[in-house]
Amino acid sequence: MGQLNGGILMNTSLAYTSVFLVVASLAIGFPAAAHGPSGHHETVTAAQNEDAMKTQHERMRNFEEAMVALGKAVIHGEKTDAGKHASRLTEALRDHEKDVPHKNVSRIKEFQALYGEMKKRAVKLAADAGTGNLQNTSLSYGRVLEVCTSCHAKFRD
């Protein structure tokens, strides 16, 4: 099952998988690794102490693990596992409202808006994965990664 593209017969499923793999590799491969404990935080505010930051790092580590597992499930065509891992994403974001950025702390409202957008997209991703439609799941996965990379560029890296 393919489509003609400039005279070349392409396998549509293979095209989606290739795009998915490239996006996942770029977005998860290096920014998410930054969620380990460190002393690089800007000035500590009342809302930002080491315990709170440790909790925030754990939340994002759980989110990253769910994203990686979801990516593998989609690539391997495992619809049930994709739905399970997508549900873990929204669970991982629970209580994110207290989180603060590592840098540009004065822009906390923008940071929180990105977190809200990520949660909204994660809910959509979980809904798509729940239908078993892996192509829609892949597209929604990429939309979540857009927020991850944008937020990391502004507030982490």
C-alpha atoms as a PDB file:
ATOM      1  CA  MET A   1       0.000   0.000   0.000  1.00  0.00           C
ATOM      2  CA  GLY A   2       1.826   3.093  -1.206  1.00  0.00           C
ATOM      3  CA  GLN A   3       1.396   6.317  -3.037  1.00  0.00           C
ATOM      4  CA  LEU A   4       3.076   7.791  -6.050  1.00  0.00           C
ATOM      5  CA  ASN A   5       5.386  10.635  -5.094  1.00  0.00           C
ATOM      6  CA  GLY A   6       7.313  12.233  -7.935  1.00  0.00           C
ATOM      7  CA  GLY A   7       7.297   8.963  -9.839  1.00  0.00           C
ATOM      8  CA  ILE A   8       8.497   6.970  -6.828  1.00  0.00           C
ATOM      9  CA  LEU A   9       6.203   4.518  -5.093  1.00  0.00           C
ATOM     10  CA  MET A  10       6.492   5.195  -1.350  1.00  0.00           C
ATOM     11  CA  ASN A  11       5.303   3.012   1.468  1.00  0.00           C
ATOM     12  CA  THR A  12       3.148   5.436   3.507  1.00  0.00           C
ATOM     13  CA  SER A  13       3.656   3.508   6.734  1.00  0.00           C
ATOM     14  CA  LEU A  14       7.430   3.555   6.227  1.00  0.00           C
ATOM     15  CA  ALA A  15       7.358   7.308   5.584  1.00  0.00           C
ATOM     16  CA  TYR A  16       5.479   7.934   8.851  1.00  0.00           C
ATOM     17  CA  THR A  17       7.859   5.679  10.766  1.00  0.00           C
ATOM     18  CA  SER A  18      10.911   7.420   9.300  1.00  0.00           C
ATOM     19  CA  VAL A  19       9.630  10.880  10.209  1.00  0.00           C
ATOM     20  CA  PHE A  20       8.656   9.631  13.657  1.00  0.00           C
ATOM     21  CA  LEU A  21      12.114   8.187  14.309  1.00  0.00           C
ATOM     22  CA  VAL A  22      13.923  11.338  13.230  1.00  0.00           C
ATOM     23  CA  VAL A  23      11.753  13.616  15.359  1.00  0.00           C
ATOM     24  CA  ALA A  24      11.934  11.316  18.375  1.00  0.00           C
ATOM     25  CA  SER A  25      15.709  10.994  18.125  1.00  0.00           C
ATOM     26  CA  LEU A  26      16.230  14.730  17.933  1.00  0.00           C
ATOM     27  CA  ALA A  27      13.741  15.742  20.576  1.00  0.00           C
ATOM     28  CA  ILE A  28      14.171  13.041  23.201  1.00  0.00           C
ATOM     29  CA  GLY A  29      17.748  12.039  22.609  1.00  0.00           C
ATOM     30  CA  PHE A  30      19.470  15.025  24.114  1.00  0.00           C
ATOM     31  CA  PRO A  31      17.168  17.571  25.823  1.00  0.00           C
ATOM     32  CA  ALA A  32      15.498  15.098  28.164  1.00  0.00           C
ATOM     33  CA  ALA A  33      18.867  13.941  29.464  1.00  0.00           C
ATOM     34  CA  ALA A  34      19.145  17.308  31.188  1.00  0.00           C
ATOM     35  CA  HIS A  35      16.671  16.321  33.895  1.00  0.00           C
ATOM     36  CA  GLY A  36      19.225  14.974  36.317  1.00  0.00           C
ATOM     37  CA  PRO A  37      20.038  16.716  39.584  1.00  0.00           C
ATOM     38  CA  SER A  38      22.427  19.632  39.263  1.00  0.00           C
ATOM     39  CA  GLY A  39      23.457  22.898  40.810  1.00  0.00           C
ATOM     40  CA  HIS A  40      22.764  25.036  37.734  1.00  0.00           C
ATOM     41  CA  HIS A  41      19.533  26.644  38.926  1.00  0.00           C
ATOM     42  CA  GLU A  42      19.084  30.400  38.932  1.00  0.00           C
ATOM     43  CA  THR A  43      18.371  32.170  42.156  1.00  0.00           C
ATOM     44  CA  VAL A  44      16.231  30.025  44.398  1.00  0.00           C
ATOM     45  CA  THR A  45      12.807  31.522  45.028  1.00  0.00           C
ATOM     46  CA  ALA A  46      10.236  30.607  47.643  1.00  0.00           C
ATOM     47  CA  ALA A  47       8.614  28.241  45.133  1.00  0.00           C
ATOM     48  CA  GLN A  48      11.913  26.705  44.053  1.00  0.00           C
ATOM     49  CA  ASN A  49      13.862  24.686  46.602  1.00  0.00           C
ATOM     50  CA  GLU A  50      15.907  21.550  46.178  1.00  0.00           C
ATOM     51  CA  ASP A  51      13.091  19.193  47.229  1.00  0.00           C
ATOM     52  CA  ALA A  52      10.680  20.803  44.782  1.00  0.00           C
ATOM     53  CA  MET A  53      13.290  20.637  42.005  1.00  0.00           C
ATOM     54  CA  LYS A  54      13.975  16.973  42.803  1.00  0.00           C
ATOM     55  CA  THR A  55      10.246  16.266  42.472  1.00  0.00           C
ATOM     56  CA  GLN A  56      10.149  18.209  39.203  1.00  0.00           C
ATOM     57  CA  HIS A  57      13.105  16.240  37.830  1.00  0.00           C
ATOM     58  CA  GLU A  58      11.407  12.971  38.801  1.00  0.00           C
ATOM     59  CA  ARG A  59       8.191  14.062  37.076  1.00  0.00           C
ATOM     60  CA  MET A  60      10.043  14.841  33.858  1.00  0.00           C
ATOM     61  CA  ARG A  61      12.078  11.612  34.079  1.00  0.00           C
ATOM     62  CA  ASN A  62       8.788   9.682  34.295  1.00  0.00           C
ATOM     63  CA  PHE A  63       7.458  11.661  31.328  1.00  0.00           C
ATOM     64  CA  GLU A  64      10.604  10.915  29.319  1.00  0.00           C
ATOM     65  CA  GLU A  65      10.421   7.190  30.111  1.00  0.00           C
ATOM     66  CA  ALA A  66       6.782   7.078  29.021  1.00  0.00           C
ATOM     67  CA  MET A  67       7.615   8.941  25.782  1.00  0.00           C
ATOM     68  CA  VAL A  68      10.445   6.535  24.947  1.00  0.00           C
ATOM     69  CA  ALA A  69       8.264   3.483  25.689  1.00  0.00           C
ATOM     70  CA  LEU A  70       5.415   4.974  23.650  1.00  0.00           C
ATOM     71  CA  GLY A  71       7.739   5.616  20.722  1.00  0.00           C
ATOM     72  CA  LYS A  72       8.902   2.005  20.760  1.00  0.00           C
ATOM     73  CA  ALA A  73       5.329   0.727  20.984  1.00  0.00           C
ATOM     74  CA  VAL A  74       4.299   2.815  17.973  1.00  0.00           C
ATOM     75  CA  ILE A  75       7.302   1.717  15.935  1.00  0.00           C
ATOM     76  CA  HIS A  76       6.580  -1.940  16.718  1.00  0.00           C
ATOM     77  CA  GLY A  77       2.849  -1.585  16.037  1.00  0.00           C
ATOM     78  CA  GLU A  78       1.877  -2.449  19.619  1.00  0.00           C
ATOM     79  CA  LYS A  79      -1.444  -0.625  19.931  1.00  0.00           C
ATOM     80  CA  THR A  80      -2.259  -1.761  23.466  1.00  0.00           C
ATOM     81  CA  ASP A  81       1.147  -0.764  24.817  1.00  0.00           C
ATOM     82  CA  ALA A  82       0.947   2.567  22.983  1.00  0.00           C
ATOM     83  CA  GLY A  83      -2.299   3.354  24.792  1.00  0.00           C
ATOM     84  CA  LYS A  84      -0.847   2.317  28.142  1.00  0.00           C
ATOM     85  CA  HIS A  85       2.291   4.445  27.761  1.00  0.00           C
ATOM     86  CA  ALA A  86       0.350   7.440  26.447  1.00  0.00           C
ATOM     87  CA  SER A  87      -1.789   7.361  29.584  1.00  0.00           C
ATOM     88  CA  ARG A  88       1.392   7.464  31.674  1.00  0.00           C
ATOM     89  CA  LEU A  89       2.244  10.828  30.092  1.00  0.00           C
ATOM     90  CA  THR A  90      -0.716  12.641  31.578  1.00  0.00           C
ATOM     91  CA  GLU A  91      -0.087  10.950  34.932  1.00  0.00           C
ATOM     92  CA  ALA A  92       3.524  12.151  34.872  1.00  0.00           C
ATOM     93  CA  LEU A  93       2.399  15.757  34.436  1.00  0.00           C
ATOM     94  CA  ARG A  94       0.178  15.726  37.512  1.00  0.00           C
ATOM     95  CA  ASP A  95       0.995  18.612  39.906  1.00  0.00           C
ATOM     96  CA  HIS A  96       3.190  20.382  37.347  1.00  0.00           C
ATOM     97  CA  GLU A  97       1.595  23.700  38.326  1.00  0.00           C
ATOM     98  CA  LYS A  98       4.219  24.177  41.060  1.00  0.00           C
ATOM     99  CA  ASP A  99       7.199  23.626  38.760  1.00  0.00           C
ATOM    100  CA  VAL A 100       9.584  26.447  37.928  1.00  0.00           C
ATOM    101  CA  PRO A 101      12.149  26.856  35.146  1.00  0.00           C
ATOM    102  CA  HIS A 102      15.878  26.332  35.605  1.00  0.00           C
ATOM    103  CA  LYS A 103      16.720  29.585  33.873  1.00  0.00           C
ATOM    104  CA  ASN A 104      14.722  32.660  32.892  1.00  0.00           C
ATOM    105  CA  VAL A 105      12.835  32.344  36.157  1.00  0.00           C
ATOM    106  CA  SER A 106      11.286  35.769  35.586  1.00  0.00           C
ATOM    107  CA  ARG A 107       9.383  34.243  32.640  1.00  0.00           C
ATOM    108  CA  ILE A 108       7.544  31.713  34.821  1.00  0.00           C
ATOM    109  CA  LYS A 109       4.151  32.519  33.250  1.00  0.00           C
ATOM    110  CA  GLU A 110       5.485  31.580  29.817  1.00  0.00           C
ATOM    111  CA  PHE A 111       7.001  28.428  31.318  1.00  0.00           C
ATOM    112  CA  GLN A 112       3.671  27.475  32.891  1.00  0.00           C
ATOM    113  CA  ALA A 113       1.865  28.177  29.604  1.00  0.00           C
ATOM    114  CA  LEU A 114       4.200  25.744  27.825  1.00  0.00           C
ATOM    115  CA  TYR A 115       3.585  23.152  30.526  1.00  0.00           C
ATOM    116  CA  GLY A 116      -0.168  23.655  30.060  1.00  0.00           C
ATOM    117  CA  GLU A 117       0.192  23.235  26.308  1.00  0.00           C
ATOM    118  CA  MET A 118       2.244  20.083  26.780  1.00  0.00           C
ATOM    119  CA  LYS A 119      -0.414  18.652  29.074  1.00  0.00           C
ATOM    120  CA  LYS A 120      -3.138  19.501  26.541  1.00  0.00           C
ATOM    121  CA  ARG A 121      -1.179  17.805  23.760  1.00  0.00           C
ATOM    122  CA  ALA A 122      -0.415  14.790  25.977  1.00  0.00           C
ATOM    123  CA  VAL A 123      -4.153  14.360  26.618  1.00  0.00           C
ATOM    124  CA  LYS A 124      -4.763  14.455  22.837  1.00  0.00           C
ATOM    125  CA  LEU A 125      -1.943  11.961  22.337  1.00  0.00           C
ATOM    126  CA  ALA A 126      -3.461   9.609  24.918  1.00  0.00           C
ATOM    127  CA  ALA A 127      -6.841   9.899  23.195  1.00  0.00           C
ATOM    128  CA  ASP A 128      -5.298   9.099  19.792  1.00  0.00           C
ATOM    129  CA  ALA A 129      -3.351   6.172  21.210  1.00  0.00           C
ATOM    130  CA  GLY A 130      -6.520   4.906  22.869  1.00  0.00           C
ATOM    131  CA  THR A 131      -8.168   4.570  19.451  1.00  0.00           C
ATOM    132  CA  GLY A 132      -5.374   2.306  18.228  1.00  0.00           C
ATOM    133  CA  ASN A 133      -4.668   4.572  15.239  1.00  0.00           C
ATOM    134  CA  LEU A 134      -0.873   4.592  15.284  1.00  0.00           C
ATOM    135  CA  GLN A 135      -0.526   7.138  12.467  1.00  0.00           C
ATOM    136  CA  ASN A 136      -2.549   9.711  14.418  1.00  0.00           C
ATOM    137  CA  THR A 137      -0.649   8.708  17.544  1.00  0.00           C
ATOM    138  CA  SER A 138       2.644   9.387  15.754  1.00  0.00           C
ATOM    139  CA  LEU A 139       1.498  12.821  14.662  1.00  0.00           C
ATOM    140  CA  SER A 140       0.308  13.705  18.172  1.00  0.00           C
ATOM    141  CA  TYR A 141       3.593  12.400  19.571  1.00  0.00           C
ATOM    142  CA  GLY A 142       5.439  14.880  17.374  1.00  0.00           C
ATOM    143  CA  ARG A 143       3.190  17.701  18.592  1.00  0.00           C
ATOM    144  CA  VAL A 144       4.140  16.903  22.204  1.00  0.00           C
ATOM    145  CA  LEU A 145       7.824  16.887  21.259  1.00  0.00           C
ATOM    146  CA  GLU A 146       7.443  20.353  19.729  1.00  0.00           C
ATOM    147  CA  VAL A 147       6.561  21.694  23.170  1.00  0.00           C
ATOM    148  CA  CYS A 148       9.384  19.756  24.841  1.00  0.00           C
ATOM    149  CA  THR A 149      12.045  21.178  22.550  1.00  0.00           C
ATOM    150  CA  SER A 150      10.639  24.702  22.706  1.00  0.00           C
ATOM    151  CA  CYS A 151      10.525  24.687  26.499  1.00  0.00           C
ATOM    152  CA  HIS A 152      14.005  23.210  26.855  1.00  0.00           C
ATOM    153  CA  ALA A 153      15.455  25.816  24.488  1.00  0.00           C
ATOM    154  CA  LYS A 154      13.948  28.656  26.523  1.00  0.00           C
ATOM    155  CA  PHE A 155      14.170  27.349  30.063  1.00  0.00           C
ATOM    156  CA  ARG A 156      16.639  24.516  30.338  1.00  0.00           C
ATOM    157  CA  ASP A 157      19.444  24.227  27.781  1.00  0.00           C
END
